[in-house]
Amino acid sequence: MPKSSKKTEGFHSAAGLIRYFDAEEDVAIKINPWVVVGICVGLSAVVLIITALFPT
């Protein structure tokens, strides 16, 4: 394969990905990253409390 066709092939595929993610961003739910961290910490605490209260 010639070197020039390899170089342009990557650019076209990257441009398609950028266009896809730009279109997806308009309809996506936006959540603050700290909310996700808080949910993870809270869920971990709930699991630890339940395992402490009801040992197997």
C-alpha atoms as a PDB file:
ATOM      1  CA  MET A   1       0.000   0.000   0.000  1.00  0.00           C
ATOM      2  CA  PRO A   2       1.436   3.424  -0.872  1.00  0.00           C
ATOM      3  CA  LYS A   3       2.434   5.584   2.045  1.00  0.00           C
ATOM      4  CA  SER A   4       0.183   8.507   1.028  1.00  0.00           C
ATOM      5  CA  SER A   5      -3.028   6.423   1.079  1.00  0.00           C
ATOM      6  CA  LYS A   6      -2.279   5.158   4.602  1.00  0.00           C
ATOM      7  CA  LYS A   7      -1.829   8.697   5.858  1.00  0.00           C
ATOM      8  CA  THR A   8      -5.160   9.961   4.502  1.00  0.00           C
ATOM      9  CA  GLU A   9      -7.040   6.845   5.625  1.00  0.00           C
ATOM     10  CA  GLY A  10      -6.435   7.607   9.305  1.00  0.00           C
ATOM     11  CA  PHE A  11      -7.555  11.189   8.899  1.00  0.00           C
ATOM     12  CA  HIS A  12     -10.870  10.195   7.334  1.00  0.00           C
ATOM     13  CA  SER A  13     -11.666   7.661  10.028  1.00  0.00           C
ATOM     14  CA  ALA A  14     -10.752  10.148  12.775  1.00  0.00           C
ATOM     15  CA  ALA A  15     -12.946  12.792  11.171  1.00  0.00           C
ATOM     16  CA  GLY A  16     -15.853  10.355  11.187  1.00  0.00           C
ATOM     17  CA  LEU A  17     -15.391   9.650  14.888  1.00  0.00           C
ATOM     18  CA  ILE A  18     -15.245  13.336  15.707  1.00  0.00           C
ATOM     19  CA  ARG A  19     -18.434  13.965  13.737  1.00  0.00           C
ATOM     20  CA  TYR A  20     -20.152  11.021  15.512  1.00  0.00           C
ATOM     21  CA  PHE A  21     -19.239  12.225  19.004  1.00  0.00           C
ATOM     22  CA  ASP A  22     -20.251  15.816  18.193  1.00  0.00           C
ATOM     23  CA  ALA A  23     -23.692  14.611  17.108  1.00  0.00           C
ATOM     24  CA  GLU A  24     -24.026  12.348  20.146  1.00  0.00           C
ATOM     25  CA  GLU A  25     -23.140  15.145  22.559  1.00  0.00           C
ATOM     26  CA  ASP A  26     -26.305  17.123  21.766  1.00  0.00           C
ATOM     27  CA  VAL A  27     -28.679  14.457  23.090  1.00  0.00           C
ATOM     28  CA  ALA A  28     -26.562  12.963  25.875  1.00  0.00           C
ATOM     29  CA  ILE A  29     -27.384  13.423  29.545  1.00  0.00           C
ATOM     30  CA  LYS A  30     -24.813  15.661  31.179  1.00  0.00           C
ATOM     31  CA  ILE A  31     -23.760  14.563  34.683  1.00  0.00           C
ATOM     32  CA  ASN A  32     -21.152  16.281  36.794  1.00  0.00           C
ATOM     33  CA  PRO A  33     -18.217  13.885  37.418  1.00  0.00           C
ATOM     34  CA  TRP A  34     -18.379  14.594  41.146  1.00  0.00           C
ATOM     35  CA  VAL A  35     -21.955  13.280  41.207  1.00  0.00           C
ATOM     36  CA  VAL A  36     -20.697   9.966  39.816  1.00  0.00           C
ATOM     37  CA  VAL A  37     -17.926   9.858  42.437  1.00  0.00           C
ATOM     38  CA  GLY A  38     -20.454  10.607  45.177  1.00  0.00           C
ATOM     39  CA  ILE A  39     -22.786   7.860  43.989  1.00  0.00           C
ATOM     40  CA  CYS A  40     -19.913   5.357  43.954  1.00  0.00           C
ATOM     41  CA  VAL A  41     -18.795   6.319  47.463  1.00  0.00           C
ATOM     42  CA  GLY A  42     -22.358   6.216  48.759  1.00  0.00           C
ATOM     43  CA  LEU A  43     -23.063   2.832  47.207  1.00  0.00           C
ATOM     44  CA  SER A  44     -19.818   1.459  48.629  1.00  0.00           C
ATOM     45  CA  ALA A  45     -20.792   2.704  52.079  1.00  0.00           C
ATOM     46  CA  VAL A  46     -24.214   1.061  51.807  1.00  0.00           C
ATOM     47  CA  VAL A  47     -22.643  -2.259  50.809  1.00  0.00           C
ATOM     48  CA  LEU A  48     -20.156  -2.094  53.688  1.00  0.00           C
ATOM     49  CA  ILE A  49     -22.898  -1.277  56.212  1.00  0.00           C
ATOM     50  CA  ILE A  50     -25.118  -4.099  54.972  1.00  0.00           C
ATOM     51  CA  THR A  51     -22.263  -6.614  55.135  1.00  0.00           C
ATOM     52  CA  ALA A  52     -21.432  -5.446  58.669  1.00  0.00           C
ATOM     53  CA  LEU A  53     -25.048  -5.757  59.837  1.00  0.00           C
ATOM     54  CA  PHE A  54     -25.772  -9.113  58.172  1.00  0.00           C
ATOM     55  CA  PRO A  55     -22.627 -11.241  58.221  1.00  0.00           C
ATOM     56  CA  THR A  56     -22.861 -14.586  56.474  1.00  0.00           C
END
